[in-house]
Amino acid sequence: MNQETLRTQHPSTEKAFTVLLSPTRRGARLARLLTVAHLGAWGLPSESAAHIVAELAANASVHGRVQGRDFQLSLAVSGQRLRIEVTDTRGDSVPPGPGAVKAPEDDHAENGRGLLIVEALADHWGVVPGPVPRKTVWAEIDLVR
């Protein structure tokens, strides 16, 4: 008697999107809009991710801007986790990492809270230097809570 073993393969839940954007306010806005559109198409919640992308893209446009060089937005879903990466070409300007971000001393300051928002919304985040002249700020959100 010939017995056959059947293997059940689950469809891949891996999804990814990467785009280069101009380091401008328009590019940062487009990063947020593309994030909402892709996550919606993938059937995933987008509110926290949209806020994180908005902050990281704004930082890439303001602090990571190098004339003539774009920043990169990457979204990837692996298992039950969404990973967001924003890479700019200003590797010499590395922000503080998790746990080292401080609120501005002036309560009325109009900026300086972006990474605090990322820290509050992301389950994990960090900064990866290189390869020269780049740096990547990444954040992960657990999709199952």
N, C-alpha and C. Protein backbone atom coordinates (compact mmCIF):
# COMPACT_ATOMS: atom_id res chain seq x y z
N MET A 1 0.84 -1.16 0.00
CA MET A 1 0.00 0.00 0.00
C MET A 1 0.89 1.23 0.00
N ASN A 2 0.60 2.17 -0.83
CA ASN A 2 1.38 3.39 -0.98
C ASN A 2 0.69 4.51 -0.20
N GLN A 3 1.37 4.99 0.81
CA GLN A 3 0.80 6.10 1.58
C GLN A 3 1.46 7.40 1.15
N GLU A 4 0.66 8.38 0.98
CA GLU A 4 1.17 9.68 0.58
C GLU A 4 0.97 10.65 1.74
N THR A 5 2.01 11.39 2.03
CA THR A 5 1.91 12.39 3.08
C THR A 5 1.55 13.72 2.44
N LEU A 6 0.50 14.31 2.91
CA LEU A 6 0.09 15.61 2.40
C LEU A 6 0.61 16.70 3.32
N ARG A 7 1.19 17.69 2.71
CA ARG A 7 1.65 18.85 3.49
C ARG A 7 0.74 20.01 3.17
N THR A 8 0.26 20.61 4.20
CA THR A 8 -0.58 21.79 4.01
C THR A 8 0.32 23.01 4.04
N GLN A 9 0.23 23.79 2.98
CA GLN A 9 1.01 25.02 2.94
C GLN A 9 0.05 26.19 3.11
N HIS A 10 0.37 27.01 4.04
CA HIS A 10 -0.43 28.20 4.26
C HIS A 10 0.04 29.28 3.30
N PRO A 11 -0.88 30.07 2.78
CA PRO A 11 -0.45 31.14 1.89
C PRO A 11 0.46 32.11 2.63
N SER A 12 1.42 32.61 1.94
CA SER A 12 2.38 33.52 2.55
C SER A 12 1.69 34.81 2.98
N THR A 13 1.98 35.25 4.18
CA THR A 13 1.43 36.51 4.65
C THR A 13 2.48 37.62 4.54
N GLU A 14 3.56 37.31 3.87
CA GLU A 14 4.62 38.30 3.73
C GLU A 14 4.20 39.36 2.72
N LYS A 15 4.29 40.59 3.12
CA LYS A 15 3.96 41.72 2.24
C LYS A 15 5.06 42.76 2.42
N ALA A 16 5.39 43.45 1.33
CA ALA A 16 6.44 44.47 1.42
C ALA A 16 6.18 45.57 0.41
N PHE A 17 6.60 46.76 0.77
CA PHE A 17 6.50 47.94 -0.09
C PHE A 17 7.68 48.82 0.21
N THR A 18 8.34 49.32 -0.84
CA THR A 18 9.46 50.25 -0.69
C THR A 18 9.35 51.32 -1.74
N VAL A 19 9.65 52.56 -1.35
CA VAL A 19 9.59 53.68 -2.29
C VAL A 19 10.61 54.73 -1.90
N LEU A 20 11.17 55.41 -2.89
CA LEU A 20 12.03 56.57 -2.65
C LEU A 20 11.18 57.83 -2.77
N LEU A 21 11.38 58.76 -1.86
CA LEU A 21 10.60 60.00 -1.83
C LEU A 21 11.52 61.19 -1.64
N SER A 22 11.09 62.34 -2.16
CA SER A 22 11.90 63.55 -2.00
C SER A 22 11.86 63.99 -0.54
N PRO A 23 13.00 64.49 -0.04
CA PRO A 23 13.06 64.93 1.37
C PRO A 23 12.44 66.32 1.55
N THR A 24 11.14 66.39 1.30
CA THR A 24 10.38 67.64 1.40
C THR A 24 9.13 67.37 2.24
N ARG A 25 8.40 68.43 2.57
CA ARG A 25 7.13 68.25 3.29
C ARG A 25 6.16 67.43 2.44
N ARG A 26 6.19 67.66 1.13
CA ARG A 26 5.33 66.90 0.23
C ARG A 26 5.71 65.41 0.24
N GLY A 27 7.01 65.12 0.23
CA GLY A 27 7.47 63.73 0.29
C GLY A 27 7.07 63.05 1.60
N ALA A 28 7.17 63.78 2.70
CA ALA A 28 6.78 63.23 4.00
C ALA A 28 5.28 62.96 4.04
N ARG A 29 4.49 63.86 3.48
CA ARG A 29 3.04 63.66 3.43
C ARG A 29 2.70 62.45 2.56
N LEU A 30 3.38 62.33 1.43
CA LEU A 30 3.14 61.20 0.54
C LEU A 30 3.50 59.88 1.22
N ALA A 31 4.55 59.88 2.03
CA ALA A 31 4.93 58.67 2.77
C ALA A 31 3.79 58.21 3.67
N ARG A 32 3.18 59.15 4.37
CA ARG A 32 2.05 58.82 5.24
C ARG A 32 0.86 58.31 4.44
N LEU A 33 0.53 58.99 3.35
CA LEU A 33 -0.61 58.59 2.53
C LEU A 33 -0.40 57.21 1.90
N LEU A 34 0.82 56.94 1.43
CA LEU A 34 1.12 55.62 0.85
C LEU A 34 1.04 54.52 1.90
N THR A 35 1.45 54.84 3.12
CA THR A 35 1.35 53.87 4.21
C THR A 35 -0.10 53.51 4.49
N VAL A 36 -0.94 54.51 4.60
CA VAL A 36 -2.36 54.27 4.85
C VAL A 36 -2.97 53.46 3.70
N ALA A 37 -2.63 53.80 2.46
CA ALA A 37 -3.18 53.10 1.30
C ALA A 37 -2.74 51.63 1.26
N HIS A 38 -1.46 51.38 1.47
CA HIS A 38 -0.98 50.00 1.41
C HIS A 38 -1.50 49.16 2.57
N LEU A 39 -1.49 49.70 3.76
CA LEU A 39 -2.00 48.93 4.89
C LEU A 39 -3.49 48.65 4.72
N GLY A 40 -4.23 49.62 4.19
CA GLY A 40 -5.64 49.40 3.91
C GLY A 40 -5.85 48.30 2.88
N ALA A 41 -5.04 48.31 1.83
CA ALA A 41 -5.13 47.27 0.79
C ALA A 41 -4.78 45.90 1.35
N TRP A 42 -3.90 45.87 2.33
CA TRP A 42 -3.50 44.61 2.96
C TRP A 42 -4.46 44.19 4.06
N GLY A 43 -5.45 45.02 4.35
CA GLY A 43 -6.42 44.69 5.39
C GLY A 43 -5.89 44.86 6.80
N LEU A 44 -4.95 45.78 6.96
CA LEU A 44 -4.32 45.98 8.27
C LEU A 44 -4.67 47.36 8.83
N PRO A 45 -4.69 47.49 10.15
CA PRO A 45 -4.94 48.80 10.76
C PRO A 45 -3.78 49.74 10.44
N SER A 46 -4.11 51.02 10.28
CA SER A 46 -3.06 51.94 9.84
C SER A 46 -2.84 53.16 10.73
N GLU A 47 -3.66 53.36 11.73
CA GLU A 47 -3.57 54.62 12.50
C GLU A 47 -2.21 54.82 13.16
N SER A 48 -1.75 53.86 13.96
CA SER A 48 -0.45 54.01 14.62
C SER A 48 0.68 54.09 13.61
N ALA A 49 0.62 53.24 12.60
CA ALA A 49 1.67 53.23 11.56
C ALA A 49 1.71 54.57 10.83
N ALA A 50 0.56 55.15 10.55
CA ALA A 50 0.52 56.44 9.86
C ALA A 50 1.20 57.53 10.69
N HIS A 51 0.96 57.53 12.00
CA HIS A 51 1.60 58.52 12.87
C HIS A 51 3.12 58.31 12.92
N ILE A 52 3.53 57.05 13.02
CA ILE A 52 4.96 56.75 13.06
C ILE A 52 5.64 57.17 11.77
N VAL A 53 5.05 56.81 10.64
CA VAL A 53 5.63 57.18 9.34
C VAL A 53 5.67 58.70 9.20
N ALA A 54 4.62 59.38 9.61
CA ALA A 54 4.60 60.84 9.52
C ALA A 54 5.78 61.45 10.28
N GLU A 55 6.04 60.96 11.48
CA GLU A 55 7.13 61.51 12.29
C GLU A 55 8.50 61.16 11.69
N LEU A 56 8.69 59.90 11.30
CA LEU A 56 9.99 59.49 10.75
C LEU A 56 10.27 60.16 9.41
N ALA A 57 9.24 60.29 8.57
CA ALA A 57 9.42 60.94 7.27
C ALA A 57 9.69 62.43 7.46
N ALA A 58 9.02 63.06 8.41
CA ALA A 58 9.28 64.47 8.69
C ALA A 58 10.72 64.66 9.17
N ASN A 59 11.19 63.75 10.04
CA ASN A 59 12.58 63.83 10.50
C ASN A 59 13.56 63.65 9.34
N ALA A 60 13.26 62.71 8.44
CA ALA A 60 14.13 62.49 7.28
C ALA A 60 14.17 63.71 6.39
N SER A 61 13.04 64.42 6.29
CA SER A 61 12.97 65.61 5.45
C SER A 61 13.63 66.82 6.07
N VAL A 62 13.61 66.89 7.39
CA VAL A 62 14.18 68.06 8.07
C VAL A 62 15.63 67.81 8.51
N HIS A 63 15.85 66.75 9.26
CA HIS A 63 17.17 66.49 9.85
C HIS A 63 18.06 65.61 8.98
N GLY A 64 17.46 64.81 8.10
CA GLY A 64 18.24 63.88 7.28
C GLY A 64 18.39 64.31 5.84
N ARG A 65 17.98 65.51 5.56
CA ARG A 65 17.96 65.99 4.18
C ARG A 65 19.36 66.30 3.67
N VAL A 66 19.65 65.77 2.50
CA VAL A 66 20.86 66.11 1.75
C VAL A 66 20.39 66.46 0.35
N GLN A 67 20.78 67.63 -0.13
CA GLN A 67 20.34 68.11 -1.44
C GLN A 67 20.58 67.06 -2.52
N GLY A 68 19.53 66.75 -3.28
CA GLY A 68 19.65 65.81 -4.38
C GLY A 68 19.55 64.34 -4.01
N ARG A 69 19.33 64.03 -2.74
CA ARG A 69 19.22 62.64 -2.31
C ARG A 69 17.86 62.40 -1.66
N ASP A 70 17.19 61.34 -2.08
CA ASP A 70 15.88 60.99 -1.56
C ASP A 70 15.99 60.20 -0.26
N PHE A 71 14.86 60.08 0.43
CA PHE A 71 14.80 59.15 1.55
C PHE A 71 13.95 57.96 1.13
N GLN A 72 14.12 56.85 1.82
CA GLN A 72 13.41 55.62 1.47
C GLN A 72 12.46 55.21 2.58
N LEU A 73 11.25 54.87 2.19
CA LEU A 73 10.26 54.31 3.10
C LEU A 73 10.08 52.85 2.75
N SER A 74 10.15 51.99 3.76
CA SER A 74 9.91 50.55 3.57
C SER A 74 8.90 50.08 4.60
N LEU A 75 7.93 49.30 4.13
CA LEU A 75 6.94 48.66 5.00
C LEU A 75 7.05 47.17 4.74
N ALA A 76 7.05 46.38 5.79
CA ALA A 76 7.10 44.92 5.61
C ALA A 76 6.28 44.26 6.70
N VAL A 77 5.48 43.30 6.29
CA VAL A 77 4.70 42.50 7.23
C VAL A 77 5.30 41.12 7.23
N SER A 78 5.68 40.67 8.40
CA SER A 78 6.23 39.33 8.57
C SER A 78 5.52 38.71 9.76
N GLY A 79 4.79 37.65 9.51
CA GLY A 79 4.01 37.05 10.59
C GLY A 79 2.99 38.04 11.09
N GLN A 80 3.04 38.33 12.36
CA GLN A 80 2.09 39.25 12.98
C GLN A 80 2.74 40.59 13.35
N ARG A 81 3.75 40.98 12.58
CA ARG A 81 4.48 42.20 12.91
C ARG A 81 4.65 43.07 11.66
N LEU A 82 4.42 44.36 11.82
CA LEU A 82 4.67 45.35 10.78
C LEU A 82 5.97 46.06 11.11
N ARG A 83 6.88 46.09 10.14
CA ARG A 83 8.13 46.82 10.32
C ARG A 83 8.14 48.01 9.37
N ILE A 84 8.43 49.16 9.93
CA ILE A 84 8.53 50.42 9.19
C ILE A 84 9.98 50.84 9.23
N GLU A 85 10.54 51.21 8.08
CA GLU A 85 11.90 51.73 8.03
C GLU A 85 11.93 53.00 7.20
N VAL A 86 12.60 54.01 7.72
CA VAL A 86 12.84 55.23 6.96
C VAL A 86 14.35 55.44 6.94
N THR A 87 14.90 55.44 5.74
CA THR A 87 16.35 55.57 5.56
C THR A 87 16.64 56.89 4.86
N ASP A 88 17.55 57.66 5.44
CA ASP A 88 17.98 58.90 4.78
C ASP A 88 19.48 58.85 4.56
N THR A 89 20.01 59.85 3.90
CA THR A 89 21.43 59.85 3.55
C THR A 89 22.23 60.83 4.38
N ARG A 90 21.82 61.01 5.60
CA ARG A 90 22.53 61.89 6.53
C ARG A 90 22.98 61.06 7.73
N GLY A 91 23.91 60.13 7.48
CA GLY A 91 24.38 59.23 8.51
C GLY A 91 25.14 59.90 9.64
N ASP A 92 25.60 61.14 9.41
CA ASP A 92 26.33 61.86 10.45
C ASP A 92 25.40 62.50 11.48
N SER A 93 24.10 62.45 11.22
CA SER A 93 23.11 63.04 12.12
C SER A 93 22.22 61.92 12.66
N VAL A 94 22.69 61.26 13.73
CA VAL A 94 21.98 60.11 14.28
C VAL A 94 21.17 60.55 15.50
N PRO A 95 19.86 60.26 15.49
CA PRO A 95 19.03 60.66 16.64
C PRO A 95 19.30 59.76 17.84
N PRO A 96 18.85 60.19 19.02
CA PRO A 96 18.98 59.32 20.19
C PRO A 96 18.15 58.06 20.00
N GLY A 97 18.57 56.99 20.60
CA GLY A 97 17.86 55.72 20.47
C GLY A 97 16.78 55.55 21.52
N PRO A 98 16.16 54.39 21.54
CA PRO A 98 15.10 54.12 22.51
C PRO A 98 15.55 54.35 23.94
N GLY A 99 14.71 55.00 24.71
CA GLY A 99 15.01 55.27 26.11
C GLY A 99 15.85 56.51 26.33
N ALA A 100 16.46 57.05 25.27
CA ALA A 100 17.31 58.23 25.41
C ALA A 100 16.65 59.50 24.88
N VAL A 101 15.43 59.38 24.38
CA VAL A 101 14.72 60.54 23.83
C VAL A 101 14.15 61.36 24.97
N LYS A 102 14.41 62.65 24.94
CA LYS A 102 13.93 63.56 25.99
C LYS A 102 12.94 64.56 25.40
N ALA A 103 11.95 64.92 26.17
CA ALA A 103 11.01 65.95 25.76
C ALA A 103 11.70 67.31 25.76
N PRO A 104 11.28 68.21 24.89
CA PRO A 104 11.89 69.54 24.90
C PRO A 104 11.65 70.23 26.24
N GLU A 105 12.64 71.00 26.67
CA GLU A 105 12.53 71.69 27.96
C GLU A 105 11.44 72.76 27.94
N ASP A 106 11.27 73.38 26.79
CA ASP A 106 10.25 74.42 26.64
C ASP A 106 8.92 73.75 26.29
N ASP A 107 7.95 73.85 27.18
CA ASP A 107 6.64 73.23 26.94
C ASP A 107 5.94 73.79 25.71
N HIS A 108 6.35 74.98 25.26
CA HIS A 108 5.70 75.62 24.12
C HIS A 108 6.48 75.41 22.83
N ALA A 109 7.54 74.61 22.87
CA ALA A 109 8.32 74.33 21.66
C ALA A 109 7.43 73.65 20.62
N GLU A 110 7.61 74.04 19.35
CA GLU A 110 6.78 73.51 18.28
C GLU A 110 7.32 72.20 17.70
N ASN A 111 8.51 71.80 18.11
CA ASN A 111 9.06 70.54 17.59
C ASN A 111 9.84 69.85 18.69
N GLY A 112 10.36 68.67 18.37
CA GLY A 112 11.16 67.94 19.34
C GLY A 112 10.42 66.79 20.01
N ARG A 113 9.23 66.47 19.52
CA ARG A 113 8.45 65.40 20.15
C ARG A 113 8.24 64.20 19.24
N GLY A 114 8.75 64.24 18.03
CA GLY A 114 8.51 63.19 17.04
C GLY A 114 8.91 61.81 17.50
N LEU A 115 10.12 61.67 18.02
CA LEU A 115 10.57 60.36 18.47
C LEU A 115 9.88 59.91 19.75
N LEU A 116 9.37 60.86 20.53
CA LEU A 116 8.56 60.49 21.69
C LEU A 116 7.26 59.83 21.22
N ILE A 117 6.71 60.34 20.12
CA ILE A 117 5.50 59.75 19.56
C ILE A 117 5.80 58.35 19.04
N VAL A 118 6.93 58.22 18.33
CA VAL A 118 7.34 56.90 17.83
C VAL A 118 7.51 55.94 19.00
N GLU A 119 8.18 56.39 20.04
CA GLU A 119 8.42 55.53 21.20
C GLU A 119 7.11 55.11 21.87
N ALA A 120 6.13 56.00 21.88
CA ALA A 120 4.84 55.69 22.52
C ALA A 120 4.00 54.72 21.68
N LEU A 121 4.10 54.81 20.36
CA LEU A 121 3.24 54.00 19.50
C LEU A 121 3.84 52.67 19.05
N ALA A 122 5.16 52.61 18.96
CA ALA A 122 5.82 51.40 18.46
C ALA A 122 6.04 50.41 19.60
N ASP A 123 5.99 49.13 19.26
CA ASP A 123 6.32 48.11 20.24
C ASP A 123 7.83 47.99 20.41
N HIS A 124 8.56 48.25 19.33
CA HIS A 124 10.03 48.28 19.33
C HIS A 124 10.46 49.31 18.30
N TRP A 125 11.59 49.95 18.53
CA TRP A 125 12.13 50.85 17.52
C TRP A 125 13.61 51.03 17.76
N GLY A 126 14.30 51.56 16.78
CA GLY A 126 15.73 51.79 16.94
C GLY A 126 16.32 52.51 15.74
N VAL A 127 17.63 52.69 15.82
CA VAL A 127 18.38 53.38 14.77
C VAL A 127 19.54 52.49 14.35
N VAL A 128 19.70 52.34 13.05
CA VAL A 128 20.79 51.54 12.50
C VAL A 128 21.65 52.44 11.62
N PRO A 129 22.91 52.67 11.99
CA PRO A 129 23.78 53.49 11.14
C PRO A 129 24.28 52.69 9.93
N GLY A 130 24.52 53.41 8.83
CA GLY A 130 25.16 52.82 7.66
C GLY A 130 24.24 52.04 6.77
N PRO A 131 24.78 51.56 5.69
CA PRO A 131 26.14 51.83 5.24
C PRO A 131 26.29 53.31 4.88
N VAL A 132 27.48 53.82 5.05
CA VAL A 132 27.77 55.24 4.83
C VAL A 132 27.28 55.61 3.44
N PRO A 133 26.58 56.70 3.28
CA PRO A 133 26.31 57.78 4.24
C PRO A 133 24.93 57.70 4.86
N ARG A 134 24.35 56.53 4.98
CA ARG A 134 22.95 56.39 5.41
C ARG A 134 22.79 56.06 6.89
N LYS A 135 21.52 56.22 7.30
CA LYS A 135 21.06 55.69 8.58
C LYS A 135 19.59 55.31 8.39
N THR A 136 19.15 54.34 9.17
CA THR A 136 17.76 53.90 9.11
C THR A 136 17.17 53.97 10.51
N VAL A 137 16.02 54.60 10.60
CA VAL A 137 15.24 54.58 11.83
C VAL A 137 14.08 53.63 11.55
N TRP A 138 13.92 52.64 12.42
CA TRP A 138 12.90 51.62 12.21
C TRP A 138 11.97 51.54 13.41
N ALA A 139 10.79 51.05 13.15
CA ALA A 139 9.80 50.83 14.21
C ALA A 139 9.01 49.59 13.87
N GLU A 140 8.64 48.84 14.89
CA GLU A 140 7.82 47.65 14.69
C GLU A 140 6.54 47.75 15.52
N ILE A 141 5.46 47.28 14.90
CA ILE A 141 4.16 47.26 15.56
C ILE A 141 3.65 45.82 15.52
N ASP A 142 3.30 45.29 16.69
CA ASP A 142 2.69 43.97 16.75
C ASP A 142 1.24 44.12 16.28
N LEU A 143 0.86 43.29 15.29
CA LEU A 143 -0.47 43.40 14.72
C LEU A 143 -1.52 42.66 15.52
N VAL A 144 -1.09 41.80 16.42
CA VAL A 144 -2.01 41.08 17.29
C VAL A 144 -1.73 41.53 18.72
N ARG A 145 -2.73 41.99 19.39
CA ARG A 145 -2.54 42.49 20.75
C ARG A 145 -3.37 41.70 21.70
